[in-house]
Amino acid sequence: MSQLHNLFFNRQRITEPGYFYGYRLKEEMAASHLAILVDMQAKPARGAADFLCSIADDIAYELEEVDILLELPDRAEFEKAPEFTFRNRFLRQTYNLLDGRNLLLMFDEFEELQRRVEAGRLSPDIFSYLRNLMQHEERVDLFLPAPTSWKSWRLNTGLSFSTLRPTKKSPS
C-alpha cells in the first residue's frame, strides 16, 4: 500500500455539489483510510479543548457507523491539556481500531479556522499543532480545500508545508 504524505489539496468545494466528491473520495480510499468530514462551520470555537474534542467526537461517530466503539477521553482531560489528550490519549488508541488504515481528516471550510483565530476565538497555536500532527503522526492525513491565495493563506495562518509533498487530486 502506498503511503500518502499527509496533505491533499482540492480546488473543488466539498460542500453543496462538491459534497458528493468528498463522499466519493471517502469510498475510493476506504481500504487505506477512514475518512472523516470535519465541517468547520459546525465546530465550536471556544478554544482548543472544544475544537479538538469536537474532532475526536467526529472520529468516534464515524467509527460507530462501522460498528466500532471508541470511548472519548473525559471532557476534563481535554480542558486540562487539549493537544496532549487529542494526540496521546485519543488518536493513539484510535489507531489500534483501524486495521492498518490511516485517518483522513477532510476539512470543509478550513479558512473558517483562520477567521476564528483572527477573531480571537482560537489561539494561533492551533496552526502549529496541526502542522505538527501532519509532520509527526504518520497515521493522520489531511484533505484541505485549496485556498484562493496560497501566499496570503500561508502568511495569515503561519502554516508552511515545505516539508510536505502536496498531492493535487481532481475529480475524475
N, C-alpha and C. Protein backbone atom coordinates (compact mmCIF):
# COMPACT_ATOMS: atom_id res chain seq x y z
N MET A 1 0.85 -1.17 0.00
CA MET A 1 0.00 0.00 0.00
C MET A 1 0.90 1.23 0.00
N SER A 2 0.63 2.16 -0.90
CA SER A 2 1.45 3.36 -0.95
C SER A 2 1.09 4.29 0.20
N GLN A 3 2.09 4.91 0.75
CA GLN A 3 1.89 5.82 1.87
C GLN A 3 1.59 7.22 1.34
N LEU A 4 0.45 7.75 1.68
CA LEU A 4 0.14 9.13 1.33
C LEU A 4 1.01 10.01 2.19
N HIS A 5 1.24 11.20 1.72
CA HIS A 5 2.15 12.03 2.50
C HIS A 5 1.43 13.21 3.13
N ASN A 6 0.42 12.94 3.88
CA ASN A 6 -0.22 13.83 4.81
C ASN A 6 -1.09 14.95 4.29
N LEU A 7 -1.04 15.31 3.04
CA LEU A 7 -1.75 16.52 2.68
C LEU A 7 -2.27 16.44 1.27
N PHE A 8 -3.55 16.71 1.10
CA PHE A 8 -4.19 16.75 -0.20
C PHE A 8 -4.78 18.14 -0.38
N PHE A 9 -4.75 18.64 -1.58
CA PHE A 9 -5.41 19.90 -1.87
C PHE A 9 -6.44 19.65 -2.95
N ASN A 10 -7.52 20.37 -2.89
CA ASN A 10 -8.57 20.21 -3.88
C ASN A 10 -9.23 21.56 -4.10
N ARG A 11 -9.28 22.00 -5.32
CA ARG A 11 -9.91 23.29 -5.60
C ARG A 11 -11.43 23.21 -5.55
N GLN A 12 -11.99 22.05 -5.76
CA GLN A 12 -13.44 21.89 -5.70
C GLN A 12 -13.88 21.88 -4.25
N ARG A 13 -14.98 22.53 -3.95
CA ARG A 13 -15.51 22.56 -2.60
C ARG A 13 -16.04 21.18 -2.22
N ILE A 14 -15.99 20.85 -0.95
CA ILE A 14 -16.57 19.60 -0.50
C ILE A 14 -18.08 19.78 -0.32
N THR A 15 -18.53 21.00 -0.05
CA THR A 15 -19.94 21.24 0.22
C THR A 15 -20.75 21.36 -1.06
N GLU A 16 -22.06 21.46 -0.89
CA GLU A 16 -23.04 21.59 -1.97
C GLU A 16 -22.80 20.50 -3.00
N PRO A 17 -22.68 20.84 -4.33
CA PRO A 17 -22.50 19.75 -5.28
C PRO A 17 -21.18 19.00 -5.03
N GLY A 18 -20.17 19.70 -4.55
CA GLY A 18 -18.89 19.08 -4.29
C GLY A 18 -18.92 18.14 -3.10
N TYR A 19 -19.96 18.21 -2.28
CA TYR A 19 -20.08 17.31 -1.14
C TYR A 19 -20.03 15.86 -1.60
N PHE A 20 -20.65 15.59 -2.75
CA PHE A 20 -20.61 14.25 -3.32
C PHE A 20 -19.17 13.80 -3.53
N TYR A 21 -18.32 14.74 -3.98
CA TYR A 21 -16.93 14.41 -4.23
C TYR A 21 -16.26 13.92 -2.96
N GLY A 22 -16.55 14.59 -1.86
CA GLY A 22 -15.99 14.17 -0.58
C GLY A 22 -16.38 12.75 -0.24
N TYR A 23 -17.62 12.39 -0.48
CA TYR A 23 -18.05 11.03 -0.19
C TYR A 23 -17.49 10.04 -1.20
N ARG A 24 -17.31 10.47 -2.45
CA ARG A 24 -16.69 9.59 -3.43
C ARG A 24 -15.25 9.31 -3.03
N LEU A 25 -14.55 10.35 -2.59
CA LEU A 25 -13.19 10.17 -2.11
C LEU A 25 -13.17 9.21 -0.92
N LYS A 26 -14.13 9.37 -0.03
CA LYS A 26 -14.23 8.50 1.14
C LYS A 26 -14.35 7.04 0.71
N GLU A 27 -15.19 6.78 -0.27
CA GLU A 27 -15.38 5.41 -0.75
C GLU A 27 -14.14 4.88 -1.47
N GLU A 28 -13.51 5.73 -2.29
CA GLU A 28 -12.34 5.31 -3.06
C GLU A 28 -11.17 4.95 -2.16
N MET A 29 -11.08 5.57 -1.00
CA MET A 29 -9.94 5.36 -0.12
C MET A 29 -10.25 4.46 1.06
N ALA A 30 -11.40 3.83 1.07
CA ALA A 30 -11.85 3.05 2.23
C ALA A 30 -10.87 1.95 2.63
N ALA A 31 -10.16 1.37 1.68
CA ALA A 31 -9.23 0.29 2.02
C ALA A 31 -8.01 0.79 2.78
N SER A 32 -7.63 2.04 2.55
CA SER A 32 -6.41 2.56 3.18
C SER A 32 -6.68 3.63 4.24
N HIS A 33 -7.89 4.21 4.25
CA HIS A 33 -8.17 5.32 5.15
C HIS A 33 -9.60 5.26 5.70
N LEU A 34 -9.75 5.74 6.92
CA LEU A 34 -11.06 6.05 7.46
C LEU A 34 -11.22 7.55 7.29
N ALA A 35 -12.12 7.95 6.40
CA ALA A 35 -12.30 9.38 6.10
C ALA A 35 -13.32 10.00 7.04
N ILE A 36 -12.95 11.16 7.55
CA ILE A 36 -13.79 11.90 8.49
C ILE A 36 -14.01 13.29 7.92
N LEU A 37 -15.27 13.68 7.70
CA LEU A 37 -15.57 15.03 7.26
C LEU A 37 -15.57 15.94 8.48
N VAL A 38 -14.72 16.96 8.48
CA VAL A 38 -14.63 17.93 9.57
C VAL A 38 -15.25 19.22 9.05
N ASP A 39 -16.51 19.44 9.42
CA ASP A 39 -17.25 20.62 8.97
C ASP A 39 -16.90 21.79 9.89
N MET A 40 -16.03 22.66 9.41
CA MET A 40 -15.52 23.75 10.25
C MET A 40 -16.62 24.72 10.68
N GLN A 41 -17.65 24.90 9.89
CA GLN A 41 -18.71 25.82 10.28
C GLN A 41 -19.52 25.28 11.46
N ALA A 42 -19.49 23.98 11.67
CA ALA A 42 -20.23 23.38 12.78
C ALA A 42 -19.37 23.17 14.02
N LYS A 43 -18.08 23.50 13.93
CA LYS A 43 -17.18 23.28 15.06
C LYS A 43 -17.31 24.40 16.08
N PRO A 44 -17.26 24.06 17.37
CA PRO A 44 -17.26 25.11 18.39
C PRO A 44 -15.96 25.91 18.32
N ALA A 45 -16.02 27.13 18.78
CA ALA A 45 -14.85 28.00 18.69
C ALA A 45 -14.55 28.66 20.02
N ARG A 46 -14.56 27.90 21.07
CA ARG A 46 -14.28 28.45 22.39
C ARG A 46 -12.94 27.96 22.90
N GLY A 47 -12.02 27.72 22.01
CA GLY A 47 -10.69 27.29 22.40
C GLY A 47 -10.34 25.92 21.85
N ALA A 48 -9.08 25.54 22.06
CA ALA A 48 -8.56 24.28 21.53
C ALA A 48 -9.28 23.08 22.11
N ALA A 49 -9.68 23.15 23.38
CA ALA A 49 -10.35 22.00 24.00
C ALA A 49 -11.65 21.68 23.26
N ASP A 50 -12.48 22.68 23.02
CA ASP A 50 -13.73 22.46 22.29
C ASP A 50 -13.47 21.97 20.88
N PHE A 51 -12.53 22.60 20.21
CA PHE A 51 -12.23 22.28 18.82
C PHE A 51 -11.74 20.84 18.68
N LEU A 52 -10.74 20.45 19.46
CA LEU A 52 -10.17 19.11 19.35
C LEU A 52 -11.11 18.03 19.88
N CYS A 53 -11.87 18.34 20.92
CA CYS A 53 -12.86 17.39 21.44
C CYS A 53 -13.93 17.14 20.38
N SER A 54 -14.31 18.18 19.66
CA SER A 54 -15.31 18.03 18.61
C SER A 54 -14.80 17.17 17.45
N ILE A 55 -13.53 17.32 17.08
CA ILE A 55 -12.96 16.47 16.03
C ILE A 55 -12.89 15.02 16.52
N ALA A 56 -12.51 14.83 17.77
CA ALA A 56 -12.49 13.48 18.34
C ALA A 56 -13.88 12.86 18.30
N ASP A 57 -14.90 13.66 18.58
CA ASP A 57 -16.27 13.17 18.53
C ASP A 57 -16.66 12.78 17.10
N ASP A 58 -16.23 13.57 16.10
CA ASP A 58 -16.49 13.23 14.69
C ASP A 58 -15.87 11.87 14.34
N ILE A 59 -14.65 11.65 14.81
CA ILE A 59 -13.96 10.39 14.53
C ILE A 59 -14.68 9.22 15.21
N ALA A 60 -15.05 9.40 16.47
CA ALA A 60 -15.76 8.35 17.20
C ALA A 60 -17.09 8.04 16.53
N TYR A 61 -17.79 9.07 16.08
CA TYR A 61 -19.08 8.86 15.40
C TYR A 61 -18.90 8.06 14.11
N GLU A 62 -17.88 8.40 13.33
CA GLU A 62 -17.63 7.69 12.08
C GLU A 62 -17.29 6.23 12.36
N LEU A 63 -16.55 5.97 13.41
CA LEU A 63 -16.25 4.58 13.78
C LEU A 63 -17.51 3.83 14.21
N GLU A 64 -18.41 4.52 14.91
CA GLU A 64 -19.68 3.89 15.30
C GLU A 64 -20.47 3.46 14.07
N GLU A 65 -20.36 4.25 13.00
CA GLU A 65 -21.08 3.93 11.76
C GLU A 65 -20.63 2.60 11.17
N VAL A 66 -19.42 2.16 11.50
CA VAL A 66 -18.92 0.86 11.03
C VAL A 66 -18.80 -0.13 12.21
N ASP A 67 -19.62 0.11 13.23
CA ASP A 67 -19.75 -0.78 14.39
C ASP A 67 -18.46 -0.93 15.20
N ILE A 68 -17.69 0.14 15.27
CA ILE A 68 -16.50 0.15 16.13
C ILE A 68 -16.75 1.19 17.22
N LEU A 69 -16.75 0.75 18.47
CA LEU A 69 -17.00 1.67 19.57
C LEU A 69 -15.68 2.17 20.14
N LEU A 70 -15.62 3.46 20.31
CA LEU A 70 -14.43 4.12 20.82
C LEU A 70 -14.86 5.10 21.89
N GLU A 71 -14.28 4.96 23.05
CA GLU A 71 -14.64 5.86 24.15
C GLU A 71 -13.79 7.12 24.08
N LEU A 72 -14.46 8.26 24.14
CA LEU A 72 -13.75 9.54 24.16
C LEU A 72 -13.12 9.77 25.52
N PRO A 73 -11.97 10.41 25.56
CA PRO A 73 -11.41 10.81 26.86
C PRO A 73 -12.40 11.74 27.56
N ASP A 74 -12.33 11.79 28.86
CA ASP A 74 -13.20 12.66 29.64
C ASP A 74 -13.00 14.11 29.22
N ARG A 75 -14.08 14.84 29.18
CA ARG A 75 -14.03 16.26 28.78
C ARG A 75 -13.03 17.05 29.64
N ALA A 76 -12.93 16.73 30.90
CA ALA A 76 -11.99 17.43 31.79
C ALA A 76 -10.54 17.26 31.32
N GLU A 77 -10.22 16.10 30.73
CA GLU A 77 -8.87 15.89 30.21
C GLU A 77 -8.59 16.85 29.04
N PHE A 78 -9.60 17.03 28.18
CA PHE A 78 -9.44 17.99 27.08
C PHE A 78 -9.26 19.40 27.62
N GLU A 79 -9.98 19.73 28.68
CA GLU A 79 -9.86 21.08 29.26
C GLU A 79 -8.46 21.32 29.84
N LYS A 80 -7.90 20.30 30.49
CA LYS A 80 -6.57 20.45 31.11
C LYS A 80 -5.45 20.52 30.08
N ALA A 81 -5.50 19.64 29.09
CA ALA A 81 -4.40 19.56 28.10
C ALA A 81 -5.00 19.09 26.76
N PRO A 82 -5.60 20.01 26.00
CA PRO A 82 -6.31 19.60 24.79
C PRO A 82 -5.45 18.90 23.75
N GLU A 83 -4.28 19.44 23.46
CA GLU A 83 -3.43 18.86 22.42
C GLU A 83 -2.90 17.49 22.84
N PHE A 84 -2.43 17.38 24.07
CA PHE A 84 -1.93 16.11 24.59
C PHE A 84 -3.05 15.06 24.59
N THR A 85 -4.23 15.44 25.08
CA THR A 85 -5.34 14.50 25.16
C THR A 85 -5.74 14.01 23.78
N PHE A 86 -5.84 14.94 22.81
CA PHE A 86 -6.24 14.55 21.47
C PHE A 86 -5.24 13.58 20.86
N ARG A 87 -3.95 13.93 20.93
CA ARG A 87 -2.93 13.09 20.30
C ARG A 87 -2.64 11.83 21.11
N ASN A 88 -2.27 11.98 22.34
CA ASN A 88 -1.74 10.86 23.13
C ASN A 88 -2.81 9.96 23.75
N ARG A 89 -3.94 10.52 24.06
CA ARG A 89 -4.99 9.71 24.68
C ARG A 89 -6.02 9.25 23.65
N PHE A 90 -6.33 10.11 22.69
CA PHE A 90 -7.38 9.74 21.75
C PHE A 90 -6.85 9.13 20.46
N LEU A 91 -6.01 9.86 19.71
CA LEU A 91 -5.56 9.36 18.40
C LEU A 91 -4.85 8.02 18.52
N ARG A 92 -3.97 7.91 19.47
CA ARG A 92 -3.16 6.68 19.56
C ARG A 92 -3.99 5.46 19.94
N GLN A 93 -5.08 5.65 20.68
CA GLN A 93 -5.97 4.50 20.94
C GLN A 93 -6.82 4.21 19.70
N THR A 94 -7.08 5.23 18.90
CA THR A 94 -7.87 5.06 17.68
C THR A 94 -7.13 4.20 16.66
N TYR A 95 -5.84 4.40 16.53
CA TYR A 95 -5.06 3.65 15.54
C TYR A 95 -5.24 2.14 15.68
N ASN A 96 -5.34 1.68 16.92
CA ASN A 96 -5.48 0.24 17.17
C ASN A 96 -6.77 -0.34 16.59
N LEU A 97 -7.73 0.52 16.30
CA LEU A 97 -9.04 0.06 15.81
C LEU A 97 -9.18 0.16 14.30
N LEU A 98 -8.17 0.64 13.62
CA LEU A 98 -8.30 0.96 12.19
C LEU A 98 -7.79 -0.12 11.26
N ASP A 99 -7.36 -1.24 11.76
CA ASP A 99 -6.87 -2.35 10.91
C ASP A 99 -5.82 -1.89 9.90
N GLY A 100 -4.87 -1.09 10.36
CA GLY A 100 -3.78 -0.66 9.50
C GLY A 100 -4.08 0.55 8.63
N ARG A 101 -5.32 1.01 8.65
CA ARG A 101 -5.67 2.20 7.85
C ARG A 101 -5.24 3.48 8.55
N ASN A 102 -5.16 4.55 7.79
CA ASN A 102 -4.90 5.88 8.34
C ASN A 102 -6.21 6.62 8.53
N LEU A 103 -6.16 7.66 9.33
CA LEU A 103 -7.27 8.61 9.41
C LEU A 103 -7.07 9.65 8.32
N LEU A 104 -8.12 9.98 7.61
CA LEU A 104 -8.10 11.07 6.64
C LEU A 104 -9.10 12.10 7.12
N LEU A 105 -8.59 13.22 7.63
CA LEU A 105 -9.46 14.30 8.09
C LEU A 105 -9.70 15.24 6.91
N MET A 106 -10.95 15.26 6.41
CA MET A 106 -11.31 16.08 5.26
C MET A 106 -11.94 17.37 5.79
N PHE A 107 -11.18 18.45 5.78
CA PHE A 107 -11.65 19.73 6.31
C PHE A 107 -12.48 20.47 5.27
N ASP A 108 -13.70 20.80 5.64
CA ASP A 108 -14.56 21.64 4.83
C ASP A 108 -14.53 23.03 5.46
N GLU A 109 -14.38 24.04 4.62
CA GLU A 109 -14.33 25.43 5.10
C GLU A 109 -13.14 25.64 6.05
N PHE A 110 -11.97 25.14 5.66
CA PHE A 110 -10.79 25.26 6.51
C PHE A 110 -10.45 26.71 6.83
N GLU A 111 -10.76 27.62 5.89
CA GLU A 111 -10.46 29.04 6.13
C GLU A 111 -11.25 29.59 7.32
N GLU A 112 -12.30 28.88 7.74
CA GLU A 112 -13.05 29.27 8.93
C GLU A 112 -12.14 29.23 10.17
N LEU A 113 -11.19 28.32 10.17
CA LEU A 113 -10.24 28.24 11.28
C LEU A 113 -9.44 29.54 11.38
N GLN A 114 -8.99 30.04 10.24
CA GLN A 114 -8.26 31.30 10.22
C GLN A 114 -9.14 32.45 10.73
N ARG A 115 -10.40 32.49 10.31
CA ARG A 115 -11.29 33.56 10.78
C ARG A 115 -11.47 33.51 12.30
N ARG A 116 -11.52 32.32 12.85
CA ARG A 116 -11.69 32.20 14.30
C ARG A 116 -10.45 32.65 15.06
N VAL A 117 -9.29 32.38 14.49
CA VAL A 117 -8.05 32.86 15.10
C VAL A 117 -8.02 34.39 15.04
N GLU A 118 -8.35 34.94 13.88
CA GLU A 118 -8.35 36.40 13.73
C GLU A 118 -9.34 37.07 14.67
N ALA A 119 -10.45 36.40 14.98
CA ALA A 119 -11.46 36.94 15.89
C ALA A 119 -11.10 36.71 17.36
N GLY A 120 -9.99 36.01 17.61
CA GLY A 120 -9.55 35.76 18.98
C GLY A 120 -10.29 34.62 19.67
N ARG A 121 -11.03 33.81 18.90
CA ARG A 121 -11.78 32.70 19.49
C ARG A 121 -10.96 31.43 19.58
N LEU A 122 -9.84 31.38 18.85
CA LEU A 122 -8.88 30.28 18.92
C LEU A 122 -7.48 30.88 18.89
N SER A 123 -6.56 30.22 19.54
CA SER A 123 -5.17 30.67 19.56
C SER A 123 -4.50 30.35 18.21
N PRO A 124 -3.62 31.23 17.74
CA PRO A 124 -2.86 30.92 16.52
C PRO A 124 -2.02 29.64 16.66
N ASP A 125 -1.80 29.19 17.88
CA ASP A 125 -1.04 27.95 18.11
C ASP A 125 -1.71 26.73 17.49
N ILE A 126 -3.01 26.84 17.17
CA ILE A 126 -3.71 25.70 16.58
C ILE A 126 -3.08 25.32 15.25
N PHE A 127 -2.57 26.30 14.50
CA PHE A 127 -1.94 26.01 13.22
C PHE A 127 -0.63 25.25 13.40
N SER A 128 0.15 25.65 14.40
CA SER A 128 1.39 24.92 14.70
C SER A 128 1.08 23.49 15.12
N TYR A 129 0.02 23.33 15.88
CA TYR A 129 -0.37 21.99 16.33
C TYR A 129 -0.77 21.12 15.14
N LEU A 130 -1.57 21.65 14.24
CA LEU A 130 -1.98 20.88 13.06
C LEU A 130 -0.77 20.54 12.19
N ARG A 131 0.13 21.49 12.04
CA ARG A 131 1.35 21.22 11.26
C ARG A 131 2.15 20.10 11.93
N ASN A 132 2.26 20.15 13.24
CA ASN A 132 2.99 19.12 13.97
C ASN A 132 2.33 17.75 13.78
N LEU A 133 1.01 17.71 13.81
CA LEU A 133 0.31 16.44 13.56
C LEU A 133 0.66 15.90 12.18
N MET A 134 0.65 16.78 11.18
CA MET A 134 0.94 16.36 9.82
C MET A 134 2.35 15.81 9.70
N GLN A 135 3.28 16.42 10.41
CA GLN A 135 4.68 16.01 10.29
C GLN A 135 5.01 14.76 11.09
N HIS A 136 4.35 14.56 12.22
CA HIS A 136 4.80 13.53 13.14
C HIS A 136 3.82 12.39 13.38
N GLU A 137 2.59 12.53 12.97
CA GLU A 137 1.62 11.44 13.11
C GLU A 137 1.44 10.79 11.75
N GLU A 138 2.16 9.72 11.50
CA GLU A 138 2.15 9.06 10.20
C GLU A 138 0.80 8.47 9.84
N ARG A 139 -0.06 8.30 10.81
CA ARG A 139 -1.38 7.69 10.57
C ARG A 139 -2.49 8.72 10.40
N VAL A 140 -2.14 10.00 10.33
CA VAL A 140 -3.13 11.06 10.12
C VAL A 140 -2.79 11.80 8.84
N ASP A 141 -3.75 11.85 7.92
CA ASP A 141 -3.62 12.62 6.69
C ASP A 141 -4.71 13.67 6.66
N LEU A 142 -4.42 14.80 6.04
CA LEU A 142 -5.38 15.89 5.96
C LEU A 142 -5.75 16.16 4.51
N PHE A 143 -7.00 16.48 4.30
CA PHE A 143 -7.51 16.90 3.00
C PHE A 143 -8.03 18.31 3.20
N LEU A 144 -7.39 19.29 2.55
CA LEU A 144 -7.78 20.69 2.71
C LEU A 144 -8.21 21.26 1.37
N PRO A 145 -9.36 21.94 1.32
CA PRO A 145 -9.68 22.65 0.08
C PRO A 145 -8.62 23.72 -0.15
N ALA A 146 -8.14 23.84 -1.36
CA ALA A 146 -7.08 24.81 -1.66
C ALA A 146 -7.62 26.23 -1.52
N PRO A 147 -6.89 27.08 -0.82
CA PRO A 147 -7.32 28.48 -0.71
C PRO A 147 -7.10 29.20 -2.05
N THR A 148 -7.77 30.32 -2.20
CA THR A 148 -7.63 31.07 -3.45
C THR A 148 -6.24 31.69 -3.56
N SER A 149 -5.64 32.05 -2.45
CA SER A 149 -4.30 32.64 -2.46
C SER A 149 -3.41 31.94 -1.44
N TRP A 150 -2.48 31.09 -1.92
CA TRP A 150 -1.58 30.38 -1.02
C TRP A 150 -0.71 31.33 -0.23
N LYS A 151 -0.20 32.38 -0.90
CA LYS A 151 0.70 33.31 -0.22
C LYS A 151 -0.02 33.98 0.95
N SER A 152 -1.20 34.50 0.72
CA SER A 152 -1.97 35.15 1.77
C SER A 152 -2.31 34.16 2.87
N TRP A 153 -2.74 32.97 2.49
CA TRP A 153 -3.13 31.97 3.49
C TRP A 153 -1.94 31.57 4.34
N ARG A 154 -0.81 31.36 3.72
CA ARG A 154 0.39 30.95 4.46
C ARG A 154 0.84 32.05 5.41
N LEU A 155 0.78 33.31 4.96
CA LEU A 155 1.16 34.42 5.82
C LEU A 155 0.20 34.57 7.00
N ASN A 156 -1.08 34.42 6.75
CA ASN A 156 -2.08 34.63 7.80
C ASN A 156 -2.15 33.48 8.79
N THR A 157 -1.91 32.27 8.36
CA THR A 157 -2.03 31.12 9.27
C THR A 157 -0.70 30.74 9.90
N GLY A 158 0.40 31.15 9.28
CA GLY A 158 1.70 30.74 9.77
C GLY A 158 2.05 29.32 9.39
N LEU A 159 1.20 28.67 8.61
CA LEU A 159 1.48 27.30 8.18
C LEU A 159 2.42 27.30 7.00
N SER A 160 3.38 26.45 7.05
CA SER A 160 4.29 26.25 5.93
C SER A 160 4.34 24.76 5.67
N PHE A 161 4.15 24.40 4.42
CA PHE A 161 4.14 22.99 4.09
C PHE A 161 5.40 22.59 3.35
N SER A 162 6.49 23.24 3.64
CA SER A 162 7.72 22.99 2.90
C SER A 162 8.23 21.56 3.07
N THR A 163 7.89 20.92 4.15
CA THR A 163 8.38 19.55 4.37
C THR A 163 7.41 18.51 3.84
N LEU A 164 6.29 18.96 3.31
CA LEU A 164 5.28 18.04 2.83
C LEU A 164 5.22 18.07 1.31
N ARG A 165 4.71 17.00 0.75
CA ARG A 165 4.53 16.94 -0.70
C ARG A 165 3.05 16.95 -1.00
N PRO A 166 2.48 18.12 -1.33
CA PRO A 166 1.05 18.17 -1.62
C PRO A 166 0.71 17.34 -2.84
N THR A 167 -0.44 16.75 -2.81
CA THR A 167 -0.95 15.96 -3.91
C THR A 167 -2.23 16.60 -4.40
N LYS A 168 -2.26 16.98 -5.67
CA LYS A 168 -3.50 17.54 -6.20
C LYS A 168 -4.32 16.38 -6.73
N LYS A 169 -5.53 16.28 -6.24
CA LYS A 169 -6.44 15.24 -6.70
C LYS A 169 -7.64 15.94 -7.26
N SER A 170 -7.92 15.75 -8.51
CA SER A 170 -9.09 16.37 -9.11
C SER A 170 -10.12 15.30 -9.41
N PRO A 171 -11.39 15.71 -9.44
CA PRO A 171 -12.44 14.71 -9.69
C PRO A 171 -12.26 14.09 -11.07
N SER A 172 -12.57 12.81 -11.16
CA SER A 172 -12.42 12.14 -12.46
C SER A 172 -13.77 11.95 -13.09
